[in-house]
Amino acid sequence: MYSPRFTLSTFISLLSLFNRANADTCTEVGALGSLEIKRSPSLEYLIEQQNYWSTGCGALKPSCIFYPKSAEEVASIVKVLNGNNETFAVKSGGHNPNQGFSSIQSGPLISTKELNEVR
């Protein structure tokens, strides 16, 4: 009887594909223009990750953090995420204790820090 084996090399190959997909989303959004994007280990990235009410949420590490400054930039980000079928999170203040709601592991995070009004 055939029994598929999940080897370390298979795991590394799958992890590499997963990381490339996330990197492509960050890169694709970055290619849109002047949108601010931070990645680890930049100081801004590290500070954003420490700015959570819940330390569990801060422990999750996004692939990159987007800082849109307008509704148009948010729409552009969401369009790319939708096209890539990417799982993402939106952070607005960081006071949600539930991991994965305003934090994400290995996917893009949209920070509303640079937005200054709601309509």
C-alpha atoms as a PDB file:
ATOM      1  CA  MET A   1       0.000   0.000   0.000  1.00  0.00           C
ATOM      2  CA  TYR A   2       1.298   3.472  -0.932  1.00  0.00           C
ATOM      3  CA  SER A   3       1.864   5.861   1.955  1.00  0.00           C
ATOM      4  CA  PRO A   4       2.829   9.434   1.043  1.00  0.00           C
ATOM      5  CA  ARG A   5       5.696  10.787   3.098  1.00  0.00           C
ATOM      6  CA  PHE A   6       6.048  14.359   4.112  1.00  0.00           C
ATOM      7  CA  THR A   7       9.802  14.932   4.152  1.00  0.00           C
ATOM      8  CA  LEU A   8      11.767  17.916   5.387  1.00  0.00           C
ATOM      9  CA  SER A   9      12.676  18.860   1.812  1.00  0.00           C
ATOM     10  CA  THR A  10       8.960  18.799   0.858  1.00  0.00           C
ATOM     11  CA  PHE A  11       8.164  21.044   3.829  1.00  0.00           C
ATOM     12  CA  ILE A  12      10.949  23.489   2.910  1.00  0.00           C
ATOM     13  CA  SER A  13       9.732  23.612  -0.711  1.00  0.00           C
ATOM     14  CA  LEU A  14       6.164  24.341   0.392  1.00  0.00           C
ATOM     15  CA  LEU A  15       7.332  26.982   2.866  1.00  0.00           C
ATOM     16  CA  SER A  16       9.386  28.623   0.132  1.00  0.00           C
ATOM     17  CA  LEU A  17       6.351  28.780  -2.169  1.00  0.00           C
ATOM     18  CA  PHE A  18       4.221  30.229   0.644  1.00  0.00           C
ATOM     19  CA  ASN A  19       6.809  32.908   1.456  1.00  0.00           C
ATOM     20  CA  ARG A  20       7.176  33.798  -2.233  1.00  0.00           C
ATOM     21  CA  ALA A  21       3.403  34.316  -2.545  1.00  0.00           C
ATOM     22  CA  ASN A  22       3.402  36.682   0.432  1.00  0.00           C
ATOM     23  CA  ALA A  23       6.468  38.517  -0.839  1.00  0.00           C
ATOM     24  CA  ASP A  24       4.812  38.888  -4.247  1.00  0.00           C
ATOM     25  CA  THR A  25       1.759  40.575  -2.702  1.00  0.00           C
ATOM     26  CA  CYS A  26       3.955  43.007  -0.772  1.00  0.00           C
ATOM     27  CA  THR A  27       6.065  43.663  -3.871  1.00  0.00           C
ATOM     28  CA  GLU A  28       3.015  44.050  -6.117  1.00  0.00           C
ATOM     29  CA  VAL A  29       1.429  46.615  -3.780  1.00  0.00           C
ATOM     30  CA  GLY A  30       4.795  48.380  -3.514  1.00  0.00           C
ATOM     31  CA  ALA A  31       4.921  48.705  -7.291  1.00  0.00           C
ATOM     32  CA  LEU A  32       1.675  50.721  -7.247  1.00  0.00           C
ATOM     33  CA  GLY A  33       3.542  53.906  -6.392  1.00  0.00           C
ATOM     34  CA  SER A  34       4.226  55.989  -3.323  1.00  0.00           C
ATOM     35  CA  LEU A  35       2.439  53.776  -0.798  1.00  0.00           C
ATOM     36  CA  GLU A  36       4.461  53.361   2.396  1.00  0.00           C
ATOM     37  CA  ILE A  37       5.373  49.721   3.130  1.00  0.00           C
ATOM     38  CA  LYS A  38       7.507  48.460   6.015  1.00  0.00           C
ATOM     39  CA  ARG A  39       9.086  45.037   6.457  1.00  0.00           C
ATOM     40  CA  SER A  40      11.007  43.361   9.244  1.00  0.00           C
ATOM     41  CA  PRO A  41      13.509  44.313  10.622  1.00  0.00           C
ATOM     42  CA  SER A  42      12.862  48.031   9.978  1.00  0.00           C
ATOM     43  CA  LEU A  43      12.404  50.173  13.088  1.00  0.00           C
ATOM     44  CA  GLU A  44       8.884  51.238  12.018  1.00  0.00           C
ATOM     45  CA  TYR A  45       7.851  47.590  11.556  1.00  0.00           C
ATOM     46  CA  LEU A  46       9.163  46.631  14.999  1.00  0.00           C
ATOM     47  CA  ILE A  47       7.465  49.609  16.681  1.00  0.00           C
ATOM     48  CA  GLU A  48       4.135  48.797  14.987  1.00  0.00           C
ATOM     49  CA  GLN A  49       4.388  45.205  16.243  1.00  0.00           C
ATOM     50  CA  GLN A  50       4.968  46.413  19.813  1.00  0.00           C
ATOM     51  CA  ASN A  51       1.933  48.706  19.651  1.00  0.00           C
ATOM     52  CA  TYR A  52      -0.742  46.142  20.562  1.00  0.00           C
ATOM     53  CA  TRP A  53      -2.853  45.882  23.686  1.00  0.00           C
ATOM     54  CA  SER A  54      -2.482  42.090  23.485  1.00  0.00           C
ATOM     55  CA  THR A  55       1.058  40.708  23.471  1.00  0.00           C
ATOM     56  CA  GLY A  56      -0.282  37.624  21.649  1.00  0.00           C
ATOM     57  CA  CYS A  57      -1.327  39.817  18.712  1.00  0.00           C
ATOM     58  CA  GLY A  58       2.066  41.530  18.697  1.00  0.00           C
ATOM     59  CA  ALA A  59       3.757  38.133  18.554  1.00  0.00           C
ATOM     60  CA  LEU A  60       2.214  37.459  15.116  1.00  0.00           C
ATOM     61  CA  LYS A  61       4.549  38.727  12.394  1.00  0.00           C
ATOM     62  CA  PRO A  62       3.062  40.013   9.129  1.00  0.00           C
ATOM     63  CA  SER A  63       4.993  39.680   5.877  1.00  0.00           C
ATOM     64  CA  CYS A  64       4.783  43.469   5.467  1.00  0.00           C
ATOM     65  CA  ILE A  65       2.798  46.431   6.794  1.00  0.00           C
ATOM     66  CA  PHE A  66       0.980  48.843   4.470  1.00  0.00           C
ATOM     67  CA  TYR A  67       0.364  52.454   5.581  1.00  0.00           C
ATOM     68  CA  PRO A  68      -2.250  53.892   3.199  1.00  0.00           C
ATOM     69  CA  LYS A  69      -2.926  57.634   3.402  1.00  0.00           C
ATOM     70  CA  SER A  70      -6.210  57.722   1.446  1.00  0.00           C
ATOM     71  CA  ALA A  71      -9.279  55.677   0.588  1.00  0.00           C
ATOM     72  CA  GLU A  72      -7.876  55.300  -2.929  1.00  0.00           C
ATOM     73  CA  GLU A  73      -4.704  53.668  -1.583  1.00  0.00           C
ATOM     74  CA  VAL A  74      -6.789  51.305   0.575  1.00  0.00           C
ATOM     75  CA  ALA A  75      -8.835  50.373  -2.500  1.00  0.00           C
ATOM     76  CA  SER A  76      -5.650  49.686  -4.495  1.00  0.00           C
ATOM     77  CA  ILE A  77      -4.304  47.425  -1.742  1.00  0.00           C
ATOM     78  CA  VAL A  78      -7.568  45.505  -1.426  1.00  0.00           C
ATOM     79  CA  LYS A  79      -7.718  45.040  -5.205  1.00  0.00           C
ATOM     80  CA  VAL A  80      -4.273  43.374  -5.202  1.00  0.00           C
ATOM     81  CA  LEU A  81      -5.146  41.275  -2.135  1.00  0.00           C
ATOM     82  CA  ASN A  82      -8.380  40.147  -3.776  1.00  0.00           C
ATOM     83  CA  GLY A  83      -6.575  39.259  -7.006  1.00  0.00           C
ATOM     84  CA  ASN A  84      -4.045  37.181  -5.050  1.00  0.00           C
ATOM     85  CA  ASN A  85      -6.726  35.683  -2.785  1.00  0.00           C
ATOM     86  CA  GLU A  86      -4.516  36.808   0.091  1.00  0.00           C
ATOM     87  CA  THR A  87      -5.447  36.590   3.768  1.00  0.00           C
ATOM     88  CA  PHE A  88      -4.725  39.901   5.505  1.00  0.00           C
ATOM     89  CA  ALA A  89      -5.585  41.902   8.615  1.00  0.00           C
ATOM     90  CA  VAL A  90      -6.456  45.542   9.320  1.00  0.00           C
ATOM     91  CA  LYS A  91      -5.036  47.261  12.379  1.00  0.00           C
ATOM     92  CA  SER A  92      -6.751  50.319  13.778  1.00  0.00           C
ATOM     93  CA  GLY A  93      -5.393  51.082  17.214  1.00  0.00           C
ATOM     94  CA  GLY A  94      -4.387  47.535  18.123  1.00  0.00           C
ATOM     95  CA  HIS A  95      -6.857  47.078  20.990  1.00  0.00           C
ATOM     96  CA  ASN A  96      -8.398  43.801  19.826  1.00  0.00           C
ATOM     97  CA  PRO A  97      -7.312  40.855  22.019  1.00  0.00           C
ATOM     98  CA  ASN A  98      -8.225  38.232  19.394  1.00  0.00           C
ATOM     99  CA  GLN A  99      -5.244  37.027  17.395  1.00  0.00           C
ATOM    100  CA  GLY A 100      -5.836  37.294  13.658  1.00  0.00           C
ATOM    101  CA  PHE A 101      -8.416  40.086  13.868  1.00  0.00           C
ATOM    102  CA  SER A 102      -6.044  43.085  13.892  1.00  0.00           C
ATOM    103  CA  SER A 103      -2.894  40.990  13.513  1.00  0.00           C
ATOM    104  CA  ILE A 104      -1.689  38.294  11.147  1.00  0.00           C
ATOM    105  CA  GLN A 105       1.080  35.729  10.833  1.00  0.00           C
ATOM    106  CA  SER A 106       2.951  35.789   7.487  1.00  0.00           C
ATOM    107  CA  GLY A 107       0.344  37.819   5.598  1.00  0.00           C
ATOM    108  CA  PRO A 108       0.051  41.549   4.879  1.00  0.00           C
ATOM    109  CA  LEU A 109      -1.181  43.953   7.554  1.00  0.00           C
ATOM    110  CA  ILE A 110      -2.962  47.204   6.674  1.00  0.00           C
ATOM    111  CA  SER A 111      -2.355  49.852   9.326  1.00  0.00           C
ATOM    112  CA  THR A 112      -4.844  52.742   9.458  1.00  0.00           C
ATOM    113  CA  LYS A 113      -2.307  54.860  11.360  1.00  0.00           C
ATOM    114  CA  GLU A 114      -1.879  57.353   8.486  1.00  0.00           C
ATOM    115  CA  LEU A 115      -5.607  57.790   7.777  1.00  0.00           C
ATOM    116  CA  ASN A 116      -7.037  60.865   9.466  1.00  0.00           C
ATOM    117  CA  GLU A 117     -10.804  60.750   8.926  1.00  0.00           C
ATOM    118  CA  VAL A 118     -13.753  58.406   8.498  1.00  0.00           C
ATOM    119  CA  ARG A 119     -16.759  59.043   6.256  1.00  0.00           C
END
